[in-house]
Amino acid sequence: MINGSPRVGNTDYVMESVSRGLEAGNETVKLRDLDIRHCNGCLACEKDGKCPIDDGMQGLYEKMENADILVIGTPNYFDNVPGLLKDFIDRTNTFHNSTKLSGKKVVFIVVGGGSSGGDTGRVADQTLTYFANANKLEIAGKFIFTGTDKQPLCDTPEAGDKIREIVEKVNSI
């Protein structure tokens, strides 16, 4: 599980709740606890499949390759993923010309946004879908929590229902 939130809040609540409900063992990596630098666009990874930037991303590549399923949680910042998760996504370019992640299942969880619904999370969805397609991942589920501007998710019964739905989905894979 990959938590793309730069702070403690609703995304942590959802990811921790999902993690507790899973039948199989799992590990949650909080990107904020790692030093992940920006992709510098050198394209060295296009040549040999390795990123030359020596930082916290190096340990994530192997974890992603060894994972049975990826669950990626992110807050919704201005209808998109936060910069921290975008840096992570950019740095997965190392997998672009390989089959190392091909066919792995991924579940996306987008947390946040106003109560208006509608297109909330639309751009985040596009970013995550492109990430999956570029890395040949199979999207097994997409979940979005909205209305978090009114109260924390831990105080809403609807959040518990959606968390159970996510847990059931991941356990069924």
N, C-alpha and C. Protein backbone atom coordinates (compact mmCIF):
# COMPACT_ATOMS: atom_id res chain seq x y z
N MET A 1 0.86 -1.17 0.00
CA MET A 1 0.00 0.00 0.00
C MET A 1 0.90 1.23 0.00
N ILE A 2 0.51 2.20 -0.80
CA ILE A 2 1.28 3.43 -0.92
C ILE A 2 0.39 4.60 -0.53
N ASN A 3 0.79 5.32 0.50
CA ASN A 3 0.05 6.48 0.97
C ASN A 3 0.75 7.72 0.44
N GLY A 4 0.08 8.43 -0.46
CA GLY A 4 0.65 9.60 -1.11
C GLY A 4 0.35 10.91 -0.43
N SER A 5 -0.12 10.89 0.81
CA SER A 5 -0.46 12.13 1.49
C SER A 5 0.77 12.74 2.16
N PRO A 6 0.97 14.04 1.98
CA PRO A 6 2.09 14.68 2.65
C PRO A 6 1.83 15.00 4.13
N ARG A 7 0.62 14.75 4.60
CA ARG A 7 0.32 15.04 6.01
C ARG A 7 -0.58 13.97 6.60
N VAL A 8 -0.69 13.96 7.92
CA VAL A 8 -1.60 13.05 8.60
C VAL A 8 -3.01 13.62 8.49
N GLY A 9 -3.97 12.78 8.10
CA GLY A 9 -5.34 13.25 7.96
C GLY A 9 -6.24 12.16 7.44
N ASN A 10 -7.20 12.53 6.63
CA ASN A 10 -8.21 11.59 6.14
C ASN A 10 -7.63 10.44 5.32
N THR A 11 -6.61 10.72 4.51
CA THR A 11 -6.02 9.65 3.71
C THR A 11 -5.39 8.60 4.62
N ASP A 12 -4.71 9.04 5.66
CA ASP A 12 -4.13 8.09 6.62
C ASP A 12 -5.23 7.25 7.27
N TYR A 13 -6.31 7.90 7.67
CA TYR A 13 -7.43 7.18 8.29
C TYR A 13 -7.94 6.08 7.37
N VAL A 14 -8.17 6.40 6.11
CA VAL A 14 -8.69 5.42 5.16
C VAL A 14 -7.68 4.30 4.94
N MET A 15 -6.43 4.65 4.67
CA MET A 15 -5.41 3.64 4.38
C MET A 15 -5.17 2.72 5.57
N GLU A 16 -5.12 3.27 6.77
CA GLU A 16 -4.92 2.45 7.97
C GLU A 16 -6.13 1.54 8.19
N SER A 17 -7.32 2.05 7.96
CA SER A 17 -8.53 1.24 8.12
C SER A 17 -8.57 0.09 7.11
N VAL A 18 -8.21 0.39 5.88
CA VAL A 18 -8.17 -0.65 4.85
C VAL A 18 -7.11 -1.69 5.22
N SER A 19 -5.95 -1.25 5.61
CA SER A 19 -4.85 -2.16 5.98
C SER A 19 -5.28 -3.13 7.07
N ARG A 20 -5.97 -2.62 8.09
CA ARG A 20 -6.43 -3.48 9.20
C ARG A 20 -7.43 -4.53 8.74
N GLY A 21 -8.20 -4.23 7.70
CA GLY A 21 -9.23 -5.14 7.24
C GLY A 21 -8.76 -6.20 6.26
N LEU A 22 -7.55 -6.07 5.76
CA LEU A 22 -7.08 -7.02 4.75
C LEU A 22 -6.70 -8.35 5.37
N GLU A 23 -7.03 -9.42 4.65
CA GLU A 23 -6.73 -10.77 5.12
C GLU A 23 -5.26 -11.11 4.95
N ALA A 24 -4.68 -10.70 3.85
CA ALA A 24 -3.27 -11.00 3.58
C ALA A 24 -2.39 -9.95 4.25
N GLY A 25 -1.16 -10.33 4.52
CA GLY A 25 -0.21 -9.38 5.07
C GLY A 25 0.01 -8.23 4.11
N ASN A 26 0.29 -7.08 4.64
CA ASN A 26 0.52 -5.91 3.80
C ASN A 26 1.44 -4.95 4.49
N GLU A 27 1.98 -4.06 3.71
CA GLU A 27 2.86 -3.02 4.22
C GLU A 27 2.39 -1.71 3.63
N THR A 28 2.33 -0.68 4.45
CA THR A 28 1.99 0.65 3.97
C THR A 28 3.24 1.51 3.96
N VAL A 29 3.54 2.05 2.82
CA VAL A 29 4.65 2.98 2.67
C VAL A 29 4.06 4.38 2.60
N LYS A 30 4.49 5.22 3.52
CA LYS A 30 4.06 6.62 3.51
C LYS A 30 5.14 7.42 2.78
N LEU A 31 4.78 7.92 1.63
CA LEU A 31 5.77 8.63 0.82
C LEU A 31 6.38 9.80 1.56
N ARG A 32 5.63 10.42 2.47
CA ARG A 32 6.15 11.57 3.20
C ARG A 32 7.31 11.21 4.11
N ASP A 33 7.45 9.91 4.43
CA ASP A 33 8.55 9.47 5.28
C ASP A 33 9.82 9.18 4.49
N LEU A 34 9.74 9.31 3.18
CA LEU A 34 10.89 9.03 2.32
C LEU A 34 11.39 10.31 1.68
N ASP A 35 12.65 10.31 1.34
CA ASP A 35 13.21 11.41 0.57
C ASP A 35 13.09 11.03 -0.90
N ILE A 36 12.06 11.56 -1.57
CA ILE A 36 11.85 11.28 -2.99
C ILE A 36 12.02 12.59 -3.74
N ARG A 37 13.06 12.63 -4.53
CA ARG A 37 13.34 13.85 -5.28
C ARG A 37 12.58 13.84 -6.61
N HIS A 38 12.52 15.02 -7.21
CA HIS A 38 11.86 15.17 -8.51
C HIS A 38 12.63 14.40 -9.58
N CYS A 39 11.90 13.88 -10.55
CA CYS A 39 12.53 13.33 -11.75
C CYS A 39 13.21 14.49 -12.46
N ASN A 40 14.44 14.28 -12.90
CA ASN A 40 15.14 15.37 -13.58
C ASN A 40 15.08 15.25 -15.10
N GLY A 41 14.34 14.26 -15.59
CA GLY A 41 14.15 14.13 -17.03
C GLY A 41 15.38 13.69 -17.80
N CYS A 42 16.34 13.06 -17.13
CA CYS A 42 17.59 12.66 -17.81
C CYS A 42 17.39 11.47 -18.75
N LEU A 43 16.31 10.72 -18.55
CA LEU A 43 15.95 9.56 -19.37
C LEU A 43 16.95 8.41 -19.30
N ALA A 44 17.83 8.40 -18.31
CA ALA A 44 18.74 7.26 -18.12
C ALA A 44 17.94 5.98 -17.93
N CYS A 45 16.79 6.08 -17.30
CA CYS A 45 15.95 4.90 -17.05
C CYS A 45 15.43 4.30 -18.35
N GLU A 46 15.34 5.10 -19.39
CA GLU A 46 14.89 4.60 -20.69
C GLU A 46 15.93 3.65 -21.29
N LYS A 47 17.18 3.87 -20.92
CA LYS A 47 18.26 3.06 -21.49
C LYS A 47 18.45 1.73 -20.76
N ASP A 48 18.49 1.81 -19.40
CA ASP A 48 18.81 0.59 -18.65
C ASP A 48 17.77 0.20 -17.60
N GLY A 49 16.64 0.91 -17.54
CA GLY A 49 15.59 0.57 -16.60
C GLY A 49 15.90 0.91 -15.16
N LYS A 50 16.92 1.72 -14.94
CA LYS A 50 17.28 2.11 -13.58
C LYS A 50 17.35 3.63 -13.48
N CYS A 51 16.85 4.13 -12.37
CA CYS A 51 16.92 5.57 -12.12
C CYS A 51 18.23 5.87 -11.40
N PRO A 52 18.99 6.85 -11.90
CA PRO A 52 20.27 7.16 -11.26
C PRO A 52 20.17 8.01 -10.00
N ILE A 53 18.98 8.48 -9.68
CA ILE A 53 18.82 9.32 -8.49
C ILE A 53 18.80 8.40 -7.27
N ASP A 54 19.74 8.61 -6.38
CA ASP A 54 19.88 7.77 -5.18
C ASP A 54 19.12 8.40 -4.02
N ASP A 55 17.88 7.95 -3.86
CA ASP A 55 17.04 8.48 -2.79
C ASP A 55 16.06 7.41 -2.35
N GLY A 56 15.01 7.79 -1.67
CA GLY A 56 14.04 6.85 -1.12
C GLY A 56 13.26 6.03 -2.14
N MET A 57 13.27 6.44 -3.38
CA MET A 57 12.55 5.69 -4.42
C MET A 57 13.20 4.35 -4.69
N GLN A 58 14.51 4.26 -4.50
CA GLN A 58 15.23 3.03 -4.86
C GLN A 58 14.63 1.81 -4.16
N GLY A 59 14.27 1.91 -2.90
CA GLY A 59 13.67 0.79 -2.19
C GLY A 59 12.26 0.47 -2.63
N LEU A 60 11.57 1.43 -3.21
CA LEU A 60 10.19 1.21 -3.64
C LEU A 60 10.08 0.40 -4.92
N TYR A 61 11.06 0.50 -5.78
CA TYR A 61 10.99 -0.23 -7.04
C TYR A 61 10.84 -1.73 -6.78
N GLU A 62 11.68 -2.28 -5.93
CA GLU A 62 11.62 -3.71 -5.64
C GLU A 62 10.33 -4.08 -4.92
N LYS A 63 9.88 -3.24 -4.01
CA LYS A 63 8.63 -3.51 -3.30
C LYS A 63 7.46 -3.57 -4.29
N MET A 64 7.45 -2.67 -5.26
CA MET A 64 6.38 -2.68 -6.26
C MET A 64 6.45 -3.94 -7.12
N GLU A 65 7.65 -4.33 -7.49
CA GLU A 65 7.81 -5.53 -8.31
C GLU A 65 7.36 -6.78 -7.56
N ASN A 66 7.58 -6.82 -6.25
CA ASN A 66 7.25 -8.00 -5.45
C ASN A 66 5.82 -8.01 -4.93
N ALA A 67 5.13 -6.91 -5.03
CA ALA A 67 3.75 -6.83 -4.51
C ALA A 67 2.79 -7.63 -5.38
N ASP A 68 1.83 -8.27 -4.73
CA ASP A 68 0.76 -8.95 -5.46
C ASP A 68 -0.25 -7.96 -6.01
N ILE A 69 -0.50 -6.93 -5.23
CA ILE A 69 -1.46 -5.88 -5.61
C ILE A 69 -0.96 -4.57 -5.05
N LEU A 70 -1.21 -3.48 -5.75
CA LEU A 70 -0.87 -2.15 -5.26
C LEU A 70 -2.15 -1.44 -4.87
N VAL A 71 -2.16 -0.85 -3.70
CA VAL A 71 -3.26 0.00 -3.26
C VAL A 71 -2.64 1.37 -3.04
N ILE A 72 -3.10 2.35 -3.80
CA ILE A 72 -2.52 3.68 -3.74
C ILE A 72 -3.58 4.66 -3.27
N GLY A 73 -3.29 5.32 -2.16
CA GLY A 73 -4.20 6.31 -1.59
C GLY A 73 -3.61 7.70 -1.71
N THR A 74 -4.46 8.65 -2.03
CA THR A 74 -4.00 10.03 -2.21
C THR A 74 -5.07 11.01 -1.79
N PRO A 75 -4.67 12.13 -1.22
CA PRO A 75 -5.64 13.21 -1.05
C PRO A 75 -5.89 13.87 -2.41
N ASN A 76 -6.98 14.56 -2.48
CA ASN A 76 -7.35 15.32 -3.68
C ASN A 76 -6.93 16.77 -3.44
N TYR A 77 -5.90 17.20 -4.14
CA TYR A 77 -5.42 18.58 -4.03
C TYR A 77 -5.76 19.30 -5.33
N PHE A 78 -6.65 20.26 -5.27
CA PHE A 78 -7.07 21.00 -6.45
C PHE A 78 -7.43 20.06 -7.58
N ASP A 79 -8.18 19.01 -7.23
CA ASP A 79 -8.70 18.04 -8.19
C ASP A 79 -7.59 17.16 -8.78
N ASN A 80 -6.44 17.07 -8.12
CA ASN A 80 -5.36 16.24 -8.63
C ASN A 80 -4.62 15.61 -7.45
N VAL A 81 -3.61 14.84 -7.76
CA VAL A 81 -2.78 14.25 -6.72
C VAL A 81 -1.80 15.31 -6.22
N PRO A 82 -1.34 15.20 -4.97
CA PRO A 82 -0.34 16.16 -4.49
C PRO A 82 1.01 15.94 -5.15
N GLY A 83 1.86 16.94 -5.08
CA GLY A 83 3.18 16.88 -5.69
C GLY A 83 3.99 15.68 -5.25
N LEU A 84 3.87 15.28 -4.00
CA LEU A 84 4.61 14.13 -3.48
C LEU A 84 4.29 12.87 -4.26
N LEU A 85 3.02 12.63 -4.51
CA LEU A 85 2.63 11.44 -5.28
C LEU A 85 2.98 11.61 -6.75
N LYS A 86 2.90 12.83 -7.25
CA LYS A 86 3.28 13.06 -8.65
C LYS A 86 4.77 12.78 -8.85
N ASP A 87 5.60 13.16 -7.88
CA ASP A 87 7.03 12.82 -7.97
C ASP A 87 7.22 11.31 -8.02
N PHE A 88 6.49 10.59 -7.17
CA PHE A 88 6.55 9.13 -7.17
C PHE A 88 6.15 8.59 -8.56
N ILE A 89 5.04 9.09 -9.09
CA ILE A 89 4.55 8.64 -10.40
C ILE A 89 5.61 8.91 -11.47
N ASP A 90 6.16 10.10 -11.48
CA ASP A 90 7.18 10.43 -12.48
C ASP A 90 8.38 9.49 -12.39
N ARG A 91 8.75 9.14 -11.19
CA ARG A 91 9.93 8.31 -11.00
C ARG A 91 9.67 6.84 -11.35
N THR A 92 8.41 6.45 -11.56
CA THR A 92 8.15 5.08 -12.01
C THR A 92 8.36 4.93 -13.50
N ASN A 93 8.88 5.96 -14.14
CA ASN A 93 9.22 5.85 -15.56
C ASN A 93 10.21 4.70 -15.80
N THR A 94 10.90 4.28 -14.75
CA THR A 94 11.83 3.15 -14.86
C THR A 94 11.12 1.88 -15.32
N PHE A 95 9.82 1.78 -15.07
CA PHE A 95 9.06 0.59 -15.46
C PHE A 95 8.44 0.71 -16.86
N HIS A 96 8.46 1.90 -17.41
CA HIS A 96 7.72 2.17 -18.64
C HIS A 96 8.06 1.22 -19.79
N ASN A 97 9.32 0.93 -20.00
CA ASN A 97 9.73 0.07 -21.11
C ASN A 97 9.95 -1.38 -20.67
N SER A 98 9.38 -1.76 -19.54
CA SER A 98 9.57 -3.12 -19.04
C SER A 98 8.22 -3.79 -18.81
N THR A 99 8.28 -5.04 -18.46
CA THR A 99 7.05 -5.77 -18.12
C THR A 99 7.04 -6.12 -16.63
N LYS A 100 7.87 -5.47 -15.84
CA LYS A 100 8.00 -5.80 -14.42
C LYS A 100 6.70 -5.63 -13.64
N LEU A 101 5.85 -4.72 -14.05
CA LEU A 101 4.57 -4.50 -13.35
C LEU A 101 3.38 -4.98 -14.18
N SER A 102 3.64 -5.50 -15.35
CA SER A 102 2.57 -5.88 -16.27
C SER A 102 1.57 -6.83 -15.62
N GLY A 103 0.31 -6.44 -15.70
CA GLY A 103 -0.76 -7.29 -15.21
C GLY A 103 -1.01 -7.23 -13.71
N LYS A 104 -0.13 -6.56 -12.96
CA LYS A 104 -0.40 -6.41 -11.52
C LYS A 104 -1.66 -5.58 -11.36
N LYS A 105 -2.40 -5.89 -10.35
CA LYS A 105 -3.65 -5.16 -10.09
C LYS A 105 -3.35 -3.96 -9.18
N VAL A 106 -4.10 -2.89 -9.42
CA VAL A 106 -3.96 -1.69 -8.62
C VAL A 106 -5.35 -1.19 -8.24
N VAL A 107 -5.46 -0.72 -7.02
CA VAL A 107 -6.69 -0.09 -6.52
C VAL A 107 -6.32 1.34 -6.12
N PHE A 108 -7.10 2.30 -6.60
CA PHE A 108 -6.85 3.70 -6.30
C PHE A 108 -7.91 4.21 -5.31
N ILE A 109 -7.43 4.98 -4.34
CA ILE A 109 -8.31 5.61 -3.35
C ILE A 109 -7.99 7.10 -3.35
N VAL A 110 -8.98 7.92 -3.70
CA VAL A 110 -8.82 9.38 -3.70
C VAL A 110 -9.66 9.92 -2.56
N VAL A 111 -9.03 10.68 -1.69
CA VAL A 111 -9.70 11.16 -0.48
C VAL A 111 -9.72 12.68 -0.48
N GLY A 112 -10.91 13.24 -0.41
CA GLY A 112 -11.01 14.68 -0.24
C GLY A 112 -11.80 15.34 -1.34
N GLY A 113 -12.01 16.57 -1.14
CA GLY A 113 -12.79 17.32 -2.10
C GLY A 113 -14.06 17.83 -1.46
N GLY A 114 -14.60 18.80 -2.07
CA GLY A 114 -15.82 19.42 -1.55
C GLY A 114 -17.01 18.49 -1.62
N SER A 115 -18.08 18.95 -1.07
CA SER A 115 -19.30 18.14 -1.01
C SER A 115 -20.12 18.25 -2.28
N SER A 116 -19.64 19.03 -3.24
CA SER A 116 -20.43 19.25 -4.44
C SER A 116 -20.50 18.03 -5.35
N GLY A 117 -19.59 17.07 -5.16
CA GLY A 117 -19.60 15.87 -6.02
C GLY A 117 -19.22 16.25 -7.43
N GLY A 118 -19.99 15.81 -8.39
CA GLY A 118 -19.72 16.16 -9.78
C GLY A 118 -18.37 15.66 -10.23
N ASP A 119 -17.55 16.57 -10.66
CA ASP A 119 -16.24 16.22 -11.21
C ASP A 119 -15.13 16.15 -10.17
N THR A 120 -15.46 16.19 -8.90
CA THR A 120 -14.44 16.14 -7.87
C THR A 120 -13.58 14.91 -8.08
N GLY A 121 -12.29 15.10 -8.20
CA GLY A 121 -11.35 14.00 -8.38
C GLY A 121 -11.14 13.60 -9.83
N ARG A 122 -11.73 14.30 -10.77
CA ARG A 122 -11.63 13.94 -12.19
C ARG A 122 -10.19 13.94 -12.68
N VAL A 123 -9.45 15.00 -12.38
CA VAL A 123 -8.07 15.09 -12.85
C VAL A 123 -7.19 14.07 -12.12
N ALA A 124 -7.43 13.88 -10.82
CA ALA A 124 -6.69 12.85 -10.08
C ALA A 124 -6.94 11.50 -10.71
N ASP A 125 -8.17 11.22 -11.09
CA ASP A 125 -8.50 9.96 -11.75
C ASP A 125 -7.73 9.82 -13.06
N GLN A 126 -7.67 10.89 -13.84
CA GLN A 126 -6.93 10.83 -15.10
C GLN A 126 -5.44 10.58 -14.87
N THR A 127 -4.87 11.24 -13.88
CA THR A 127 -3.45 11.06 -13.56
C THR A 127 -3.18 9.62 -13.14
N LEU A 128 -4.01 9.08 -12.26
CA LEU A 128 -3.81 7.72 -11.77
C LEU A 128 -4.05 6.68 -12.87
N THR A 129 -5.04 6.93 -13.71
CA THR A 129 -5.31 6.02 -14.82
C THR A 129 -4.14 6.00 -15.79
N TYR A 130 -3.59 7.16 -16.08
CA TYR A 130 -2.43 7.21 -16.97
C TYR A 130 -1.24 6.48 -16.35
N PHE A 131 -1.03 6.67 -15.05
CA PHE A 131 0.04 5.96 -14.34
C PHE A 131 -0.14 4.45 -14.51
N ALA A 132 -1.37 3.97 -14.32
CA ALA A 132 -1.63 2.53 -14.46
C ALA A 132 -1.37 2.06 -15.89
N ASN A 133 -1.88 2.79 -16.85
CA ASN A 133 -1.70 2.40 -18.25
C ASN A 133 -0.24 2.41 -18.67
N ALA A 134 0.50 3.43 -18.26
CA ALA A 134 1.92 3.54 -18.63
C ALA A 134 2.74 2.40 -18.07
N ASN A 135 2.32 1.90 -16.90
CA ASN A 135 3.07 0.82 -16.24
C ASN A 135 2.42 -0.54 -16.44
N LYS A 136 1.43 -0.60 -17.34
CA LYS A 136 0.75 -1.84 -17.71
C LYS A 136 0.09 -2.53 -16.52
N LEU A 137 -0.42 -1.72 -15.60
CA LEU A 137 -1.16 -2.22 -14.44
C LEU A 137 -2.63 -2.40 -14.81
N GLU A 138 -3.28 -3.34 -14.16
CA GLU A 138 -4.71 -3.55 -14.36
C GLU A 138 -5.47 -2.88 -13.21
N ILE A 139 -6.31 -1.92 -13.54
CA ILE A 139 -7.07 -1.21 -12.51
C ILE A 139 -8.19 -2.11 -12.01
N ALA A 140 -8.10 -2.48 -10.74
CA ALA A 140 -9.08 -3.38 -10.14
C ALA A 140 -10.17 -2.61 -9.40
N GLY A 141 -9.93 -1.34 -9.12
CA GLY A 141 -10.93 -0.54 -8.43
C GLY A 141 -10.50 0.90 -8.26
N LYS A 142 -11.49 1.77 -8.25
CA LYS A 142 -11.27 3.20 -8.00
C LYS A 142 -12.33 3.65 -6.99
N PHE A 143 -11.89 4.31 -5.95
CA PHE A 143 -12.80 4.76 -4.92
C PHE A 143 -12.48 6.22 -4.59
N ILE A 144 -13.53 7.02 -4.41
CA ILE A 144 -13.33 8.42 -4.06
C ILE A 144 -14.20 8.78 -2.87
N PHE A 145 -13.60 9.48 -1.94
CA PHE A 145 -14.30 10.00 -0.77
C PHE A 145 -14.43 11.50 -0.96
N THR A 146 -15.65 12.02 -0.94
CA THR A 146 -15.85 13.46 -1.10
C THR A 146 -16.49 14.02 0.16
N GLY A 147 -16.64 15.32 0.18
CA GLY A 147 -17.30 15.98 1.31
C GLY A 147 -16.46 16.05 2.56
N THR A 148 -15.15 15.89 2.43
CA THR A 148 -14.29 15.89 3.61
C THR A 148 -14.05 17.29 4.15
N ASP A 149 -14.60 18.30 3.47
CA ASP A 149 -14.46 19.67 3.96
C ASP A 149 -15.40 19.93 5.13
N LYS A 150 -16.40 19.09 5.32
CA LYS A 150 -17.39 19.31 6.37
C LYS A 150 -16.99 18.69 7.72
N GLN A 151 -16.43 17.47 7.68
CA GLN A 151 -16.01 16.79 8.91
C GLN A 151 -15.04 15.68 8.56
N PRO A 152 -14.22 15.28 9.53
CA PRO A 152 -13.27 14.20 9.27
C PRO A 152 -14.01 12.90 8.90
N LEU A 153 -13.39 12.13 8.04
CA LEU A 153 -14.02 10.87 7.60
C LEU A 153 -14.31 9.92 8.75
N CYS A 154 -13.47 9.95 9.76
CA CYS A 154 -13.68 9.03 10.89
C CYS A 154 -15.00 9.30 11.60
N ASP A 155 -15.61 10.45 11.36
CA ASP A 155 -16.88 10.81 11.98
C ASP A 155 -18.08 10.54 11.07
N THR A 156 -17.87 9.91 9.93
CA THR A 156 -18.98 9.70 9.00
C THR A 156 -19.23 8.22 8.79
N PRO A 157 -20.48 7.77 8.94
CA PRO A 157 -20.79 6.35 8.73
C PRO A 157 -20.60 5.93 7.28
N GLU A 158 -20.79 6.86 6.34
CA GLU A 158 -20.61 6.53 4.93
C GLU A 158 -19.17 6.11 4.63
N ALA A 159 -18.22 6.72 5.33
CA ALA A 159 -16.81 6.36 5.12
C ALA A 159 -16.57 4.92 5.52
N GLY A 160 -17.15 4.50 6.62
CA GLY A 160 -17.00 3.11 7.05
C GLY A 160 -17.55 2.13 6.02
N ASP A 161 -18.67 2.47 5.42
CA ASP A 161 -19.25 1.62 4.37
C ASP A 161 -18.33 1.51 3.17
N LYS A 162 -17.75 2.63 2.75
CA LYS A 162 -16.87 2.62 1.58
C LYS A 162 -15.56 1.89 1.90
N ILE A 163 -15.06 2.06 3.11
CA ILE A 163 -13.84 1.34 3.52
C ILE A 163 -14.09 -0.16 3.48
N ARG A 164 -15.23 -0.60 3.96
CA ARG A 164 -15.57 -2.04 3.90
C ARG A 164 -15.64 -2.52 2.45
N GLU A 165 -16.17 -1.68 1.57
CA GLU A 165 -16.24 -2.02 0.15
C GLU A 165 -14.83 -2.18 -0.45
N ILE A 166 -13.93 -1.28 -0.07
CA ILE A 166 -12.54 -1.37 -0.55
C ILE A 166 -11.89 -2.65 -0.04
N VAL A 167 -12.07 -2.92 1.25
CA VAL A 167 -11.48 -4.12 1.85
C VAL A 167 -12.00 -5.38 1.15
N GLU A 168 -13.30 -5.43 0.91
CA GLU A 168 -13.88 -6.59 0.21
C GLU A 168 -13.29 -6.72 -1.19
N LYS A 169 -13.12 -5.61 -1.89
CA LYS A 169 -12.56 -5.63 -3.24
C LYS A 169 -11.13 -6.17 -3.21
N VAL A 170 -10.31 -5.62 -2.34
CA VAL A 170 -8.90 -6.04 -2.29
C VAL A 170 -8.79 -7.50 -1.83
N ASN A 171 -9.59 -7.90 -0.86
CA ASN A 171 -9.54 -9.29 -0.39
C ASN A 171 -9.99 -10.26 -1.47
N SER A 172 -10.81 -9.82 -2.40
CA SER A 172 -11.32 -10.70 -3.45
C SER A 172 -10.32 -10.90 -4.61
N ILE A 173 -9.27 -10.12 -4.61
CA ILE A 173 -8.29 -10.19 -5.71
C ILE A 173 -7.25 -11.27 -5.42
